[in-house]
């Protein structure tokens, strides 16, 4: 493999990785704004969140564990 071909291949792979990373970031942001997705809460006060940044739901026993921990 010549160096020019290798460089072109690395650039193409780098661009594909950048696109994949952007896709994952957009998907994560979408999930953070969806109150039905547990474990992906939006930041407090996020105006774009459907619920204003509230955490979605309560996993079984989570509230009691938080109470015991003083949270």
N, C-alpha and C. Protein backbone atom coordinates (compact mmCIF):
# COMPACT_ATOMS: atom_id res chain seq x y z
N UNK A 1 0.85 -1.17 0.00
CA UNK A 1 0.00 0.00 0.00
C UNK A 1 0.90 1.24 0.00
N UNK A 2 0.64 2.15 -0.92
CA UNK A 2 1.46 3.36 -0.96
C UNK A 2 0.97 4.36 0.09
N UNK A 3 1.81 5.31 0.40
CA UNK A 3 1.52 6.26 1.47
C UNK A 3 0.32 7.15 1.16
N UNK A 4 0.16 7.58 -0.09
CA UNK A 4 -0.97 8.44 -0.43
C UNK A 4 -2.29 7.70 -0.23
N UNK A 5 -2.31 6.44 -0.62
CA UNK A 5 -3.52 5.64 -0.45
C UNK A 5 -3.81 5.43 1.04
N UNK A 6 -2.78 5.19 1.81
CA UNK A 6 -2.94 5.00 3.26
C UNK A 6 -3.45 6.28 3.92
N UNK A 7 -2.93 7.41 3.52
CA UNK A 7 -3.38 8.70 4.07
C UNK A 7 -4.84 8.94 3.71
N UNK A 8 -5.21 8.67 2.47
CA UNK A 8 -6.60 8.86 2.04
C UNK A 8 -7.52 7.94 2.84
N UNK A 9 -7.09 6.71 3.06
CA UNK A 9 -7.89 5.76 3.83
C UNK A 9 -8.06 6.24 5.27
N UNK A 10 -6.99 6.72 5.88
CA UNK A 10 -7.07 7.23 7.25
C UNK A 10 -7.98 8.45 7.34
N UNK A 11 -7.92 9.31 6.36
CA UNK A 11 -8.82 10.49 6.36
C UNK A 11 -10.27 10.08 6.23
N UNK A 12 -10.54 9.11 5.37
CA UNK A 12 -11.91 8.63 5.20
C UNK A 12 -12.42 7.99 6.49
N UNK A 13 -11.58 7.18 7.12
CA UNK A 13 -11.97 6.54 8.38
C UNK A 13 -12.17 7.57 9.48
N UNK A 14 -11.34 8.60 9.49
CA UNK A 14 -11.46 9.66 10.48
C UNK A 14 -12.78 10.41 10.29
N UNK A 15 -13.14 10.71 9.06
CA UNK A 15 -14.40 11.40 8.77
C UNK A 15 -15.59 10.52 9.17
N UNK A 16 -15.52 9.23 8.89
CA UNK A 16 -16.59 8.32 9.27
C UNK A 16 -16.73 8.26 10.79
N UNK A 17 -15.62 8.23 11.49
CA UNK A 17 -15.65 8.22 12.95
C UNK A 17 -16.27 9.51 13.48
N UNK A 18 -15.94 10.64 12.89
CA UNK A 18 -16.51 11.93 13.28
C UNK A 18 -18.02 11.91 13.09
N UNK A 19 -18.49 11.39 11.96
CA UNK A 19 -19.93 11.31 11.70
C UNK A 19 -20.62 10.39 12.69
N UNK A 20 -20.01 9.25 12.97
CA UNK A 20 -20.57 8.31 13.94
C UNK A 20 -20.66 8.95 15.33
N UNK A 21 -19.62 9.66 15.71
CA UNK A 21 -19.61 10.34 17.01
C UNK A 21 -20.71 11.39 17.08
N UNK A 22 -20.90 12.15 16.02
CA UNK A 22 -21.96 13.15 15.98
C UNK A 22 -23.34 12.49 16.09
N UNK A 23 -23.52 11.36 15.42
CA UNK A 23 -24.79 10.64 15.49
C UNK A 23 -25.08 10.17 16.91
N UNK A 24 -24.07 9.62 17.57
CA UNK A 24 -24.24 9.15 18.95
C UNK A 24 -24.54 10.32 19.87
N UNK A 25 -23.85 11.44 19.68
CA UNK A 25 -24.09 12.62 20.52
C UNK A 25 -25.52 13.12 20.36
N UNK A 26 -26.02 13.19 19.12
CA UNK A 26 -27.39 13.64 18.89
C UNK A 26 -28.39 12.68 19.53
N UNK A 27 -28.15 11.37 19.42
CA UNK A 27 -29.04 10.38 20.01
C UNK A 27 -29.05 10.52 21.54
N UNK A 28 -27.89 10.72 22.15
CA UNK A 28 -27.81 10.89 23.61
C UNK A 28 -28.55 12.14 24.04
N UNK A 29 -28.38 13.23 23.33
CA UNK A 29 -29.08 14.46 23.68
C UNK A 29 -30.59 14.27 23.56
N UNK A 30 -31.03 13.53 22.55
CA UNK A 30 -32.46 13.26 22.39
C UNK A 30 -32.97 12.46 23.58
N UNK A 31 -32.22 11.46 23.99
CA UNK A 31 -32.62 10.63 25.13
C UNK A 31 -32.61 11.42 26.43
N UNK A 32 -31.67 12.32 26.59
CA UNK A 32 -31.61 13.13 27.81
C UNK A 32 -32.84 14.00 27.94
N UNK A 33 -33.44 14.37 26.83
CA UNK A 33 -34.60 15.25 26.87
C UNK A 33 -35.92 14.48 26.94
N UNK A 34 -35.86 13.16 26.90
CA UNK A 34 -37.06 12.33 26.93
C UNK A 34 -37.27 11.80 28.34
N UNK A 35 -38.32 12.27 29.04
CA UNK A 35 -38.52 11.84 30.42
C UNK A 35 -38.84 10.36 30.55
N UNK A 36 -39.14 9.68 29.47
CA UNK A 36 -39.45 8.25 29.52
C UNK A 36 -38.19 7.38 29.49
N UNK A 37 -37.02 7.99 29.34
CA UNK A 37 -35.77 7.23 29.27
C UNK A 37 -35.09 7.28 30.63
N UNK A 38 -35.15 6.17 31.40
CA UNK A 38 -34.50 6.17 32.71
C UNK A 38 -32.98 6.19 32.58
N UNK A 39 -32.35 6.89 33.48
CA UNK A 39 -30.89 6.92 33.50
C UNK A 39 -30.30 7.93 32.55
N UNK A 40 -31.12 8.70 31.88
CA UNK A 40 -30.62 9.72 30.95
C UNK A 40 -31.28 11.06 31.25
N UNK A 41 -31.15 11.53 32.49
CA UNK A 41 -31.84 12.77 32.85
C UNK A 41 -31.22 13.99 32.18
N UNK A 42 -32.07 14.93 31.84
CA UNK A 42 -31.60 16.19 31.28
C UNK A 42 -30.98 17.01 32.41
N UNK A 43 -30.07 17.91 32.07
CA UNK A 43 -29.51 18.79 33.09
C UNK A 43 -30.61 19.61 33.75
N UNK A 44 -30.44 19.95 35.03
CA UNK A 44 -31.43 20.76 35.74
C UNK A 44 -31.72 22.03 34.97
N UNK A 45 -33.01 22.32 34.82
CA UNK A 45 -33.43 23.56 34.20
C UNK A 45 -33.24 23.61 32.70
N UNK A 46 -33.03 22.48 32.06
CA UNK A 46 -32.86 22.45 30.60
C UNK A 46 -34.17 22.86 29.95
N UNK A 47 -34.22 24.02 29.32
CA UNK A 47 -35.47 24.50 28.73
C UNK A 47 -35.95 23.64 27.56
N UNK A 48 -35.06 22.85 26.97
CA UNK A 48 -35.47 22.02 25.84
C UNK A 48 -36.01 20.68 26.28
N UNK A 49 -35.84 20.32 27.54
CA UNK A 49 -36.34 19.06 28.04
C UNK A 49 -37.86 19.11 28.13
N UNK A 50 -38.49 18.00 27.83
CA UNK A 50 -39.94 17.94 27.84
C UNK A 50 -40.51 18.26 29.22
N UNK A 51 -39.76 17.94 30.27
CA UNK A 51 -40.25 18.15 31.64
C UNK A 51 -39.43 19.20 32.38
N UNK A 52 -38.67 20.00 31.67
CA UNK A 52 -37.87 21.04 32.31
C UNK A 52 -36.66 20.52 33.04
N UNK A 53 -36.26 19.28 32.79
CA UNK A 53 -35.06 18.74 33.39
C UNK A 53 -35.30 17.76 34.53
N UNK A 54 -36.56 17.40 34.78
CA UNK A 54 -36.84 16.44 35.85
C UNK A 54 -36.35 15.05 35.46
N UNK A 55 -36.00 14.28 36.45
CA UNK A 55 -35.55 12.91 36.20
C UNK A 55 -36.77 12.03 35.96
N UNK A 56 -36.66 11.17 34.98
CA UNK A 56 -37.78 10.31 34.59
C UNK A 56 -37.96 9.17 35.59
N UNK A 57 -39.16 9.08 36.16
CA UNK A 57 -39.55 7.93 36.95
C UNK A 57 -38.73 7.65 38.19
N UNK A 58 -39.07 6.58 38.85
CA UNK A 58 -38.37 6.12 40.04
C UNK A 58 -38.19 4.62 39.89
N UNK A 59 -36.97 4.18 39.82
CA UNK A 59 -36.73 2.74 39.74
C UNK A 59 -37.10 2.13 41.07
N UNK A 60 -37.52 0.92 41.04
CA UNK A 60 -37.98 0.24 42.24
C UNK A 60 -36.92 0.30 43.33
N UNK A 61 -37.31 0.90 44.47
CA UNK A 61 -36.41 0.97 45.60
C UNK A 61 -35.44 2.14 45.57
N UNK A 62 -35.40 2.86 44.48
CA UNK A 62 -34.44 3.94 44.35
C UNK A 62 -34.71 5.06 45.37
N UNK A 63 -35.98 5.42 45.53
CA UNK A 63 -36.32 6.50 46.45
C UNK A 63 -35.93 6.16 47.87
N UNK A 64 -36.21 4.92 48.29
CA UNK A 64 -35.87 4.51 49.65
C UNK A 64 -34.34 4.53 49.85
N UNK A 65 -33.60 4.08 48.88
CA UNK A 65 -32.14 4.07 48.99
C UNK A 65 -31.60 5.49 49.08
N UNK A 66 -32.19 6.40 48.32
CA UNK A 66 -31.75 7.80 48.36
C UNK A 66 -32.08 8.41 49.73
N UNK A 67 -33.26 8.06 50.28
CA UNK A 67 -33.64 8.58 51.60
C UNK A 67 -32.64 8.12 52.67
N UNK A 68 -32.27 6.83 52.60
CA UNK A 68 -31.32 6.30 53.58
C UNK A 68 -29.95 6.97 53.45
N UNK A 69 -29.60 7.34 52.23
CA UNK A 69 -28.30 7.97 51.99
C UNK A 69 -28.35 9.47 52.25
N UNK A 70 -29.55 9.99 52.55
CA UNK A 70 -29.67 11.41 52.84
C UNK A 70 -29.69 12.28 51.61
N UNK A 71 -30.11 11.72 50.50
CA UNK A 71 -30.15 12.49 49.25
C UNK A 71 -31.53 12.92 48.91
